[in-house]
């Protein structure tokens, strides 16, 4: 996506990105990933998305361990054979 101007990104992808970034912010802030919270963050960022996306995204995140999904880290690679 870095090589594509924002104006050329399809709206469905923008909607998904808005929800994903908002969910990460909410998780990091230890707030509930809810439709209302997603909409609040997206609107605060100046975003405008289809109404069903935040509802769908919140339901998708419900009951999931988002924290573990967002952990980055390198596990050591296997030793080189040889």
Protein backbone atom coordinates (compact mmCIF):
# COMPACT_ATOMS: atom_id res chain seq x y z
CA UNK A 1 0.00 0.00 0.00
CA UNK A 2 2.92 2.36 0.56
CA UNK A 3 3.39 2.68 -3.18
CA UNK A 4 -0.23 3.59 -3.88
CA UNK A 5 -1.53 7.15 -3.41
CA UNK A 6 -4.33 7.29 -0.85
CA UNK A 7 -6.75 8.55 -3.49
CA UNK A 8 -6.27 5.31 -5.44
CA UNK A 9 -6.96 2.93 -2.54
CA UNK A 10 -10.41 1.35 -2.97
CA UNK A 11 -12.98 2.50 -0.39
CA UNK A 12 -13.48 -1.04 0.96
CA UNK A 13 -9.76 -1.25 1.77
CA UNK A 14 -9.83 2.17 3.44
CA UNK A 15 -12.80 1.04 5.55
CA UNK A 16 -10.94 -2.08 6.62
CA UNK A 17 -7.78 -0.12 7.43
CA UNK A 18 -9.70 2.45 9.48
CA UNK A 19 -11.25 -0.34 11.54
CA UNK A 20 -7.99 -2.24 11.96
CA UNK A 21 -6.03 0.82 13.08
CA UNK A 22 -8.83 1.94 15.39
CA UNK A 23 -8.99 -1.54 16.93
CA UNK A 24 -5.24 -1.51 17.55
CA UNK A 25 -5.49 1.90 19.23
CA UNK A 26 -8.38 0.70 21.40
CA UNK A 27 -6.51 -2.47 22.35
CA UNK A 28 -3.40 -0.49 23.23
CA UNK A 29 -5.53 1.90 25.31
CA UNK A 30 -7.17 -1.06 27.06
CA UNK A 31 -10.60 0.03 25.82
CA UNK A 32 -13.36 -2.17 24.45
CA UNK A 33 -13.32 -2.77 20.71
CA UNK A 34 -16.95 -1.85 20.21
CA UNK A 35 -18.89 -0.33 17.35
CA UNK A 36 -19.25 2.94 19.25
CA UNK A 37 -15.54 3.18 20.11
CA UNK A 38 -14.49 2.30 16.56
CA UNK A 39 -16.82 4.97 15.14
CA UNK A 40 -15.56 7.57 17.63
CA UNK A 41 -11.92 7.02 16.66
CA UNK A 42 -12.61 6.88 12.94
CA UNK A 43 -14.61 10.11 13.04
CA UNK A 44 -11.91 11.78 15.18
CA UNK A 45 -9.38 10.84 12.50
CA UNK A 46 -11.55 12.47 9.85
CA UNK A 47 -12.61 9.15 8.37
CA UNK A 48 -15.91 8.25 6.83
CA UNK A 49 -16.76 4.60 6.28
CA UNK A 50 -19.75 2.42 5.48
CA UNK A 51 -21.90 1.98 8.57
CA UNK A 52 -21.76 -1.81 8.60
CA UNK A 53 -17.95 -2.03 8.87
CA UNK A 54 -17.54 -1.03 12.55
CA UNK A 55 -20.38 -3.37 13.55
CA UNK A 56 -18.88 -6.25 11.60
CA UNK A 57 -15.36 -5.56 12.84
CA UNK A 58 -16.43 -5.30 16.50
CA UNK A 59 -18.30 -8.62 16.23
CA UNK A 60 -15.29 -10.22 14.58
CA UNK A 61 -13.00 -9.10 17.42
CA UNK A 62 -15.42 -10.13 20.16
CA UNK A 63 -14.03 -12.95 22.28
CA UNK A 64 -10.70 -12.98 20.44
CA UNK A 65 -7.32 -12.55 22.12
CA UNK A 66 -6.38 -9.42 20.18
CA UNK A 67 -3.40 -8.80 22.46
CA UNK A 68 -1.67 -11.99 21.35
CA UNK A 69 -2.45 -11.23 17.69
CA UNK A 70 -0.65 -7.90 17.96
CA UNK A 71 2.52 -9.15 19.59
CA UNK A 72 5.49 -8.83 17.37
CA UNK A 73 8.72 -10.48 18.08
CA UNK A 74 11.26 -12.61 16.61
CA UNK A 75 11.61 -16.11 17.60
CA UNK A 76 15.06 -17.38 17.00
CA UNK A 77 15.48 -19.05 13.70
CA UNK A 78 16.57 -22.62 13.44
CA UNK A 79 20.25 -23.37 13.41
CA UNK A 80 21.82 -23.63 10.04
CA UNK A 81 22.41 -27.18 8.94
CA UNK A 82 25.60 -27.87 7.59
